[in-house]
C-alpha atoms as a PDB file:
ATOM      1  CA  UNK A   1     113.308  98.107 107.223  1.00  0.00           C
ATOM      2  CA  UNK A   2     114.210  97.262 103.631  1.00  0.00           C
ATOM      3  CA  UNK A   3     117.339  98.616 102.002  1.00  0.00           C
ATOM      4  CA  UNK A   4     115.395 101.146  99.921  1.00  0.00           C
ATOM      5  CA  UNK A   5     113.430 102.261 102.983  1.00  0.00           C
ATOM      6  CA  UNK A   6     116.726 103.195 104.604  1.00  0.00           C
ATOM      7  CA  UNK A   7     116.982 106.043 102.089  1.00  0.00           C
ATOM      8  CA  UNK A   8     113.643 107.552 103.127  1.00  0.00           C
ATOM      9  CA  UNK A   9     113.455 110.961 104.801  1.00  0.00           C
ATOM     10  CA  UNK A  10     109.766 110.676 105.672  1.00  0.00           C
ATOM     11  CA  UNK A  11     108.831 112.819 108.652  1.00  0.00           C
ATOM     12  CA  UNK A  12     112.000 114.896 108.612  1.00  0.00           C
ATOM     13  CA  UNK A  13     112.434 118.649 108.146  1.00  0.00           C
ATOM     14  CA  UNK A  14     115.453 120.035 106.305  1.00  0.00           C
ATOM     15  CA  UNK A  15     116.895 123.527 106.025  1.00  0.00           C
ATOM     16  CA  UNK A  16     119.003 123.899 102.872  1.00  0.00           C
ATOM     17  CA  UNK A  17     120.988 127.091 102.343  1.00  0.00           C
ATOM     18  CA  UNK A  18     121.847 128.290  98.860  1.00  0.00           C
ATOM     19  CA  UNK A  19     118.858 126.290  97.645  1.00  0.00           C
ATOM     20  CA  UNK A  20     117.907 128.557  94.770  1.00  0.00           C
ATOM     21  CA  UNK A  21     120.299 127.149  92.194  1.00  0.00           C
ATOM     22  CA  UNK A  22     122.871 124.491  91.435  1.00  0.00           C
ATOM     23  CA  UNK A  23     123.852 122.007  94.114  1.00  0.00           C
ATOM     24  CA  UNK A  24     121.551 123.470  96.760  1.00  0.00           C
ATOM     25  CA  UNK A  25     118.538 123.268  94.479  1.00  0.00           C
ATOM     26  CA  UNK A  26     119.333 119.666  93.565  1.00  0.00           C
ATOM     27  CA  UNK A  27     119.655 118.687  97.228  1.00  0.00           C
ATOM     28  CA  UNK A  28     116.376 120.399  98.151  1.00  0.00           C
ATOM     29  CA  UNK A  29     114.564 118.543  95.371  1.00  0.00           C
ATOM     30  CA  UNK A  30     116.161 115.218  96.325  1.00  0.00           C
ATOM     31  CA  UNK A  31     115.235 115.585  99.983  1.00  0.00           C
ATOM     32  CA  UNK A  32     111.656 116.441  99.075  1.00  0.00           C
ATOM     33  CA  UNK A  33     111.427 113.435  96.753  1.00  0.00           C
ATOM     34  CA  UNK A  34     112.653 111.266  99.635  1.00  0.00           C
ATOM     35  CA  UNK A  35     109.855 112.572 101.866  1.00  0.00           C
ATOM     36  CA  UNK A  36     111.340 115.504 103.784  1.00  0.00           C
ATOM     37  CA  UNK A  37     109.654 118.847 104.302  1.00  0.00           C
ATOM     38  CA  UNK A  38     112.150 121.349 102.954  1.00  0.00           C
ATOM     39  CA  UNK A  39     112.970 124.922 103.905  1.00  0.00           C
ATOM     40  CA  UNK A  40     114.624 126.458 100.846  1.00  0.00           C
ATOM     41  CA  UNK A  41     116.811 129.417 101.801  1.00  0.00           C
ATOM     42  CA  UNK A  42     118.882 131.752  99.635  1.00  0.00           C
ATOM     43  CA  UNK A  43     119.580 135.430  99.149  1.00  0.00           C
ATOM     44  CA  UNK A  44     117.341 135.708  96.063  1.00  0.00           C
ATOM     45  CA  UNK A  45     113.784 134.983  97.151  1.00  0.00           C
ATOM     46  CA  UNK A  46     112.492 134.477  93.616  1.00  0.00           C
ATOM     47  CA  UNK A  47     114.926 131.603  93.073  1.00  0.00           C
ATOM     48  CA  UNK A  48     113.919 129.658  96.176  1.00  0.00           C
ATOM     49  CA  UNK A  49     110.247 130.397  95.651  1.00  0.00           C
ATOM     50  CA  UNK A  50     110.529 128.652  92.286  1.00  0.00           C
ATOM     51  CA  UNK A  51     112.216 125.636  93.900  1.00  0.00           C
ATOM     52  CA  UNK A  52     109.633 125.451  96.695  1.00  0.00           C
ATOM     53  CA  UNK A  53     106.811 125.696  94.174  1.00  0.00           C
ATOM     54  CA  UNK A  54     108.318 122.850  92.151  1.00  0.00           C
ATOM     55  CA  UNK A  55     108.402 120.710  95.291  1.00  0.00           C
ATOM     56  CA  UNK A  56     104.771 121.512  96.082  1.00  0.00           C
ATOM     57  CA  UNK A  57     103.676 120.737  92.523  1.00  0.00           C
ATOM     58  CA  UNK A  58     105.262 117.322  92.922  1.00  0.00           C
ATOM     59  CA  UNK A  59     103.286 116.682  96.096  1.00  0.00           C
ATOM     60  CA  UNK A  60     105.895 117.672  98.680  1.00  0.00           C
ATOM     61  CA  UNK A  61     106.016 120.300 101.393  1.00  0.00           C
ATOM     62  CA  UNK A  62     108.308 123.296 101.162  1.00  0.00           C
ATOM     63  CA  UNK A  63     108.645 126.948 102.059  1.00  0.00           C
ATOM     64  CA  UNK A  64     110.979 129.595 100.654  1.00  0.00           C
ATOM     65  CA  UNK A  65     112.993 132.047 102.723  1.00  0.00           C
ATOM     66  CA  UNK A  66     115.201 134.962 101.801  1.00  0.00           C
ATOM     67  CA  UNK A  67     118.381 134.459 103.825  1.00  0.00           C
ATOM     68  CA  UNK A  68     121.860 135.877 103.450  1.00  0.00           C
ATOM     69  CA  UNK A  69     123.961 133.533 105.574  1.00  0.00           C
ATOM     70  CA  UNK A  70     126.469 136.352 106.126  1.00  0.00           C
ATOM     71  CA  UNK A  71     123.890 138.023 108.378  1.00  0.00           C
ATOM     72  CA  UNK A  72     123.436 136.553 111.877  1.00  0.00           C
ATOM     73  CA  UNK A  73     119.897 137.892 112.288  1.00  0.00           C
ATOM     74  CA  UNK A  74     118.849 136.301 109.007  1.00  0.00           C
ATOM     75  CA  UNK A  75     120.395 132.980 110.057  1.00  0.00           C
ATOM     76  CA  UNK A  76     118.419 133.084 113.289  1.00  0.00           C
ATOM     77  CA  UNK A  77     115.227 134.022 111.448  1.00  0.00           C
ATOM     78  CA  UNK A  78     115.614 131.152 108.988  1.00  0.00           C
ATOM     79  CA  UNK A  79     115.890 128.548 111.735  1.00  0.00           C
ATOM     80  CA  UNK A  80     112.957 130.055 113.623  1.00  0.00           C
ATOM     81  CA  UNK A  81     110.833 130.103 110.456  1.00  0.00           C
ATOM     82  CA  UNK A  82     111.637 126.453 109.728  1.00  0.00           C
ATOM     83  CA  UNK A  83     110.484 125.351 113.173  1.00  0.00           C
ATOM     84  CA  UNK A  84     107.407 127.585 113.007  1.00  0.00           C
ATOM     85  CA  UNK A  85     106.397 126.154 109.639  1.00  0.00           C
ATOM     86  CA  UNK A  86     106.922 122.459 110.315  1.00  0.00           C
ATOM     87  CA  UNK A  87     107.133 122.098 114.092  1.00  0.00           C
ATOM     88  CA  UNK A  88     110.665 120.733 114.208  1.00  0.00           C
ATOM     89  CA  UNK A  89     114.024 120.708 112.454  1.00  0.00           C
ATOM     90  CA  UNK A  90     116.087 117.581 111.858  1.00  0.00           C
ATOM     91  CA  UNK A  91     118.404 118.314 108.912  1.00  0.00           C
ATOM     92  CA  UNK A  92     120.718 121.146 107.928  1.00  0.00           C
ATOM     93  CA  UNK A  93     122.658 121.475 104.688  1.00  0.00           C
ATOM     94  CA  UNK A  94     125.291 124.212 104.795  1.00  0.00           C
ATOM     95  CA  UNK A  95     125.569 124.713 101.050  1.00  0.00           C
ATOM     96  CA  UNK A  96     125.802 128.502 100.756  1.00  0.00           C
ATOM     97  CA  UNK A  97     129.391 129.618 100.347  1.00  0.00           C
ATOM     98  CA  UNK A  98     132.022 129.988  97.682  1.00  0.00           C
ATOM     99  CA  UNK A  99     134.870 132.083  96.408  1.00  0.00           C
ATOM    100  CA  UNK A 100     137.109 132.243  93.384  1.00  0.00           C
ATOM    101  CA  UNK A 101     140.835 132.441  92.703  1.00  0.00           C
ATOM    102  CA  UNK A 102     142.903 135.194  94.252  1.00  0.00           C
ATOM    103  CA  UNK A 103     146.318 136.774  94.170  1.00  0.00           C
ATOM    104  CA  UNK A 104     147.851 136.495  97.664  1.00  0.00           C
ATOM    105  CA  UNK A 105     149.456 139.919  97.266  1.00  0.00           C
ATOM    106  CA  UNK A 106     146.324 141.682  96.020  1.00  0.00           C
ATOM    107  CA  UNK A 107     143.590 140.122  98.137  1.00  0.00           C
ATOM    108  CA  UNK A 108     143.203 142.204 101.307  1.00  0.00           C
ATOM    109  CA  UNK A 109     143.028 140.588 104.705  1.00  0.00           C
ATOM    110  CA  UNK A 110     139.534 142.038 105.032  1.00  0.00           C
ATOM    111  CA  UNK A 111     138.391 140.169 101.916  1.00  0.00           C
ATOM    112  CA  UNK A 112     140.060 137.015 103.201  1.00  0.00           C
ATOM    113  CA  UNK A 113     138.245 137.443 106.506  1.00  0.00           C
ATOM    114  CA  UNK A 114     134.904 137.879 104.730  1.00  0.00           C
ATOM    115  CA  UNK A 115     135.489 134.631 102.853  1.00  0.00           C
ATOM    116  CA  UNK A 116     136.125 132.760 106.095  1.00  0.00           C
ATOM    117  CA  UNK A 117     132.971 134.260 107.584  1.00  0.00           C
ATOM    118  CA  UNK A 118     130.903 133.338 104.518  1.00  0.00           C
ATOM    119  CA  UNK A 119     132.081 129.745 104.339  1.00  0.00           C
ATOM    120  CA  UNK A 120     132.919 128.804 107.936  1.00  0.00           C
ATOM    121  CA  UNK A 121     131.481 131.137 110.566  1.00  0.00           C
ATOM    122  CA  UNK A 122     128.012 131.076 109.029  1.00  0.00           C
ATOM    123  CA  UNK A 123     128.005 127.264 109.027  1.00  0.00           C
ATOM    124  CA  UNK A 124     129.222 127.153 112.640  1.00  0.00           C
ATOM    125  CA  UNK A 125     126.440 129.478 113.772  1.00  0.00           C
ATOM    126  CA  UNK A 126     123.737 127.617 111.872  1.00  0.00           C
ATOM    127  CA  UNK A 127     124.824 124.348 113.471  1.00  0.00           C
ATOM    128  CA  UNK A 128     124.654 126.052 116.881  1.00  0.00           C
ATOM    129  CA  UNK A 129     121.148 127.307 116.113  1.00  0.00           C
ATOM    130  CA  UNK A 130     119.853 123.999 114.768  1.00  0.00           C
ATOM    131  CA  UNK A 131     121.404 121.640 117.325  1.00  0.00           C
ATOM    132  CA  UNK A 132     118.896 122.301 120.166  1.00  0.00           C
ATOM    133  CA  UNK A 133     115.972 121.615 117.822  1.00  0.00           C
ATOM    134  CA  UNK A 134     117.617 118.447 116.540  1.00  0.00           C
ATOM    135  CA  UNK A 135     118.210 117.230 120.078  1.00  0.00           C
ATOM    136  CA  UNK A 136     114.589 117.967 120.931  1.00  0.00           C
ATOM    137  CA  UNK A 137     113.542 115.895 117.914  1.00  0.00           C
ATOM    138  CA  UNK A 138     115.793 113.062 119.083  1.00  0.00           C
ATOM    139  CA  UNK A 139     117.902 113.055 115.934  1.00  0.00           C
ATOM    140  CA  UNK A 140     119.815 115.421 113.729  1.00  0.00           C
ATOM    141  CA  UNK A 141     121.910 115.477 110.611  1.00  0.00           C
ATOM    142  CA  UNK A 142     124.220 118.155 109.219  1.00  0.00           C
ATOM    143  CA  UNK A 143     125.949 118.138 105.857  1.00  0.00           C
ATOM    144  CA  UNK A 144     128.575 120.735 105.000  1.00  0.00           C
ATOM    145  CA  UNK A 145     129.281 121.263 101.317  1.00  0.00           C
ATOM    146  CA  UNK A 146     133.019 121.757 101.161  1.00  0.00           C
ATOM    147  CA  UNK A 147     135.234 121.281  98.079  1.00  0.00           C
ATOM    148  CA  UNK A 148     137.990 119.209  96.557  1.00  0.00           C
ATOM    149  CA  UNK A 149     139.945 122.474  96.631  1.00  0.00           C
ATOM    150  CA  UNK A 150     140.327 121.931 100.385  1.00  0.00           C
ATOM    151  CA  UNK A 151     142.924 119.236  99.721  1.00  0.00           C
ATOM    152  CA  UNK A 152     144.408 120.275  96.357  1.00  0.00           C
ATOM    153  CA  UNK A 153     147.707 122.164  96.362  1.00  0.00           C
ATOM    154  CA  UNK A 154     147.481 124.809  93.663  1.00  0.00           C
ATOM    155  CA  UNK A 155     148.380 128.406  92.987  1.00  0.00           C
ATOM    156  CA  UNK A 156     146.071 131.371  93.477  1.00  0.00           C
ATOM    157  CA  UNK A 157     143.360 129.567  95.456  1.00  0.00           C
ATOM    158  CA  UNK A 158     144.508 130.285  99.020  1.00  0.00           C
ATOM    159  CA  UNK A 159     141.298 132.096 100.027  1.00  0.00           C
ATOM    160  CA  UNK A 160     138.796 129.505  98.827  1.00  0.00           C
ATOM    161  CA  UNK A 161     140.886 126.462  99.697  1.00  0.00           C
ATOM    162  CA  UNK A 162     141.657 127.677 103.209  1.00  0.00           C
ATOM    163  CA  UNK A 163     137.994 128.409 103.903  1.00  0.00           C
ATOM    164  CA  UNK A 164     136.831 125.018 102.635  1.00  0.00           C
ATOM    165  CA  UNK A 165     139.615 123.210 104.497  1.00  0.00           C
ATOM    166  CA  UNK A 166     138.516 124.969 107.679  1.00  0.00           C
ATOM    167  CA  UNK A 167     134.893 123.996 107.042  1.00  0.00           C
ATOM    168  CA  UNK A 168     135.944 120.398 106.460  1.00  0.00           C
ATOM    169  CA  UNK A 169     137.850 120.167 109.734  1.00  0.00           C
ATOM    170  CA  UNK A 170     135.172 122.075 111.629  1.00  0.00           C
ATOM    171  CA  UNK A 171     132.678 119.381 110.685  1.00  0.00           C
ATOM    172  CA  UNK A 172     134.993 116.613 111.843  1.00  0.00           C
ATOM    173  CA  UNK A 173     135.451 118.283 115.227  1.00  0.00           C
ATOM    174  CA  UNK A 174     131.781 119.119 115.772  1.00  0.00           C
ATOM    175  CA  UNK A 175     130.804 115.568 114.842  1.00  0.00           C
ATOM    176  CA  UNK A 176     132.615 114.478 117.995  1.00  0.00           C
ATOM    177  CA  UNK A 177     130.940 117.161 120.095  1.00  0.00           C
ATOM    178  CA  UNK A 178     127.379 116.426 118.980  1.00  0.00           C
ATOM    179  CA  UNK A 179     127.416 112.625 118.707  1.00  0.00           C
ATOM    180  CA  UNK A 180     125.485 110.416 119.136  1.00  0.00           C
ATOM    181  CA  UNK A 181     122.255 112.379 118.580  1.00  0.00           C
ATOM    182  CA  UNK A 182     123.496 114.551 115.709  1.00  0.00           C
ATOM    183  CA  UNK A 183     125.608 113.300 112.819  1.00  0.00           C
ATOM    184  CA  UNK A 184     127.796 115.762 110.901  1.00  0.00           C
ATOM    185  CA  UNK A 185     129.429 114.920 107.575  1.00  0.00           C
ATOM    186  CA  UNK A 186     130.683 116.726 104.491  1.00  0.00           C
ATOM    187  CA  UNK A 187     130.673 116.378 100.723  1.00  0.00           C
ATOM    188  CA  UNK A 188     133.667 117.610  98.734  1.00  0.00           C
ATOM    189  CA  UNK A 189     132.566 118.138  95.129  1.00  0.00           C
ATOM    190  CA  UNK A 190     134.981 118.243  92.252  1.00  0.00           C
ATOM    191  CA  UNK A 191     134.121 120.210  89.083  1.00  0.00           C
ATOM    192  CA  UNK A 192     130.312 120.241  88.870  1.00  0.00           C
ATOM    193  CA  UNK A 193     128.533 121.676  85.860  1.00  0.00           C
ATOM    194  CA  UNK A 194     126.531 124.419  87.554  1.00  0.00           C
ATOM    195  CA  UNK A 195     125.253 127.629  85.981  1.00  0.00           C
ATOM    196  CA  UNK A 196     128.209 129.465  87.532  1.00  0.00           C
ATOM    197  CA  UNK A 197     130.745 127.140  85.925  1.00  0.00           C
ATOM    198  CA  UNK A 198     128.870 127.130  82.623  1.00  0.00           C
ATOM    199  CA  UNK A 199     129.209 130.919  82.522  1.00  0.00           C
ATOM    200  CA  UNK A 200     132.993 130.695  82.169  1.00  0.00           C
ATOM    201  CA  UNK A 201     133.205 127.400  80.312  1.00  0.00           C
ATOM    202  CA  UNK A 202     134.618 127.107  76.809  1.00  0.00           C
ATOM    203  CA  UNK A 203     135.020 123.971  74.718  1.00  0.00           C
ATOM    204  CA  UNK A 204     138.773 124.127  75.283  1.00  0.00           C
ATOM    205  CA  UNK A 205     138.485 124.457  79.052  1.00  0.00           C
ATOM    206  CA  UNK A 206     135.938 121.680  79.219  1.00  0.00           C
ATOM    207  CA  UNK A 207     138.187 119.350  77.247  1.00  0.00           C
ATOM    208  CA  UNK A 208     141.123 120.038  79.544  1.00  0.00           C
ATOM    209  CA  UNK A 209     139.010 119.424  82.637  1.00  0.00           C
ATOM    210  CA  UNK A 210     137.552 116.205  81.282  1.00  0.00           C
ATOM    211  CA  UNK A 211     140.999 114.963  80.256  1.00  0.00           C
ATOM    212  CA  UNK A 212     142.247 115.647  83.793  1.00  0.00           C
ATOM    213  CA  UNK A 213     139.363 113.734  85.391  1.00  0.00           C
ATOM    214  CA  UNK A 214     139.817 109.937  85.594  1.00  0.00           C
ATOM    215  CA  UNK A 215     136.137 109.269  84.853  1.00  0.00           C
ATOM    216  CA  UNK A 216     136.385 111.507  81.794  1.00  0.00           C
ATOM    217  CA  UNK A 217     133.474 113.862  82.411  1.00  0.00           C
ATOM    218  CA  UNK A 218     132.339 116.679  84.663  1.00  0.00           C
ATOM    219  CA  UNK A 219     129.963 116.070  87.519  1.00  0.00           C
ATOM    220  CA  UNK A 220     126.288 117.011  87.647  1.00  0.00           C
ATOM    221  CA  UNK A 221     124.418 118.535  90.559  1.00  0.00           C
ATOM    222  CA  UNK A 222     122.442 115.312  90.939  1.00  0.00           C
ATOM    223  CA  UNK A 223     125.694 113.492  91.735  1.00  0.00           C
ATOM    224  CA  UNK A 224     126.078 115.667  94.822  1.00  0.00           C
ATOM    225  CA  UNK A 225     122.389 115.393  95.696  1.00  0.00           C
ATOM    226  CA  UNK A 226     122.637 111.594  95.665  1.00  0.00           C
ATOM    227  CA  UNK A 227     125.543 111.703  98.117  1.00  0.00           C
ATOM    228  CA  UNK A 228     123.664 114.205 100.285  1.00  0.00           C
ATOM    229  CA  UNK A 229     120.629 111.920 100.382  1.00  0.00           C
ATOM    230  CA  UNK A 230     122.777 109.006 101.530  1.00  0.00           C
ATOM    231  CA  UNK A 231     124.409 111.061 104.284  1.00  0.00           C
ATOM    232  CA  UNK A 232     121.046 112.423 105.463  1.00  0.00           C
ATOM    233  CA  UNK A 233     119.219 109.100 105.494  1.00  0.00           C
ATOM    234  CA  UNK A 234     119.191 106.142 107.896  1.00  0.00           C
ATOM    235  CA  UNK A 235     121.321 104.332 105.312  1.00  0.00           C
ATOM    236  CA  UNK A 236     124.331 106.198 106.729  1.00  0.00           C
ATOM    237  CA  UNK A 237     123.330 105.873 110.392  1.00  0.00           C
ATOM    238  CA  UNK A 238     126.867 104.699 111.326  1.00  0.00           C
ATOM    239  CA  UNK A 239     128.706 107.490 109.496  1.00  0.00           C
ATOM    240  CA  UNK A 240     129.736 110.752 111.130  1.00  0.00           C
ATOM    241  CA  UNK A 241     132.712 113.090 110.927  1.00  0.00           C
ATOM    242  CA  UNK A 242     133.510 111.956 107.390  1.00  0.00           C
ATOM    243  CA  UNK A 243     133.970 113.539 103.965  1.00  0.00           C
ATOM    244  CA  UNK A 244     132.623 111.984 100.783  1.00  0.00           C
ATOM    245  CA  UNK A 245     134.678 113.107  97.782  1.00  0.00           C
ATOM    246  CA  UNK A 246     132.461 113.252  94.696  1.00  0.00           C
ATOM    247  CA  UNK A 247     134.987 114.333  92.087  1.00  0.00           C
ATOM    248  CA  UNK A 248     135.278 111.816  89.270  1.00  0.00           C
ATOM    249  CA  UNK A 249     138.398 110.335  90.851  1.00  0.00           C
ATOM    250  CA  UNK A 250     140.502 113.504  90.653  1.00  0.00           C
ATOM    251  CA  UNK A 251     143.424 113.711  93.068  1.00  0.00           C
ATOM    252  CA  UNK A 252     144.637 117.116  91.940  1.00  0.00           C
ATOM    253  CA  UNK A 253     142.859 120.168  90.580  1.00  0.00           C
ATOM    254  CA  UNK A 254     141.464 119.609  87.092  1.00  0.00           C
ATOM    255  CA  UNK A 255     141.081 123.312  86.364  1.00  0.00           C
ATOM    256  CA  UNK A 256     143.455 124.670  83.700  1.00  0.00           C
ATOM    257  CA  UNK A 257     146.070 127.062  85.049  1.00  0.00           C
END
């Protein structure tokens, strides 16, 4: 196998959550370009239908599913639909998740709990659901999209940072449980120029963030997709339980406070 062939996903089937926009969309498109059949899942069906249609126009195979990862029944239905459509399931990208800044005195414990469920419990359950199919296929790969916030020490981000730190460590632990058939890794993005970030961006904020990033610019969704392709492909066959930090070299939060 040549070096470039090691980055092929031919014959694989991937379920990508939060695939309608941003990082999830970029990963779905990258996997399809590399040869995978892709199940695009997100809460807004119209968004993932557009992504799946783009994949099909480019000669790939894809289906779109409406799935709120907060709902256990919808998680189960998404996995079942993926196997029904393509006969197997070999890859899972836990991309759906998120959360913004919070005041530790104003954020209720119920809201904190919902954030943990959204970012961590949903990923745990999806891995549980996918693992038997991956073992049946003889191989499996899971990528959790965590965040640089999981390791930064900063004010007013306890909810999001705690959830992403938990997701990061969960992946490390499950990588031990599911090896050698299933590999589990994570990507910790820094500031990526998604539609969500663009909605709050000003020239001043952008300048501050770029100045605080050693490589002098914000990341693009394709930067994360490239890392996800590496971790999903045979090129990373000897990598599990690890976190790739794609953050422009930042060692502390670059967001203005």
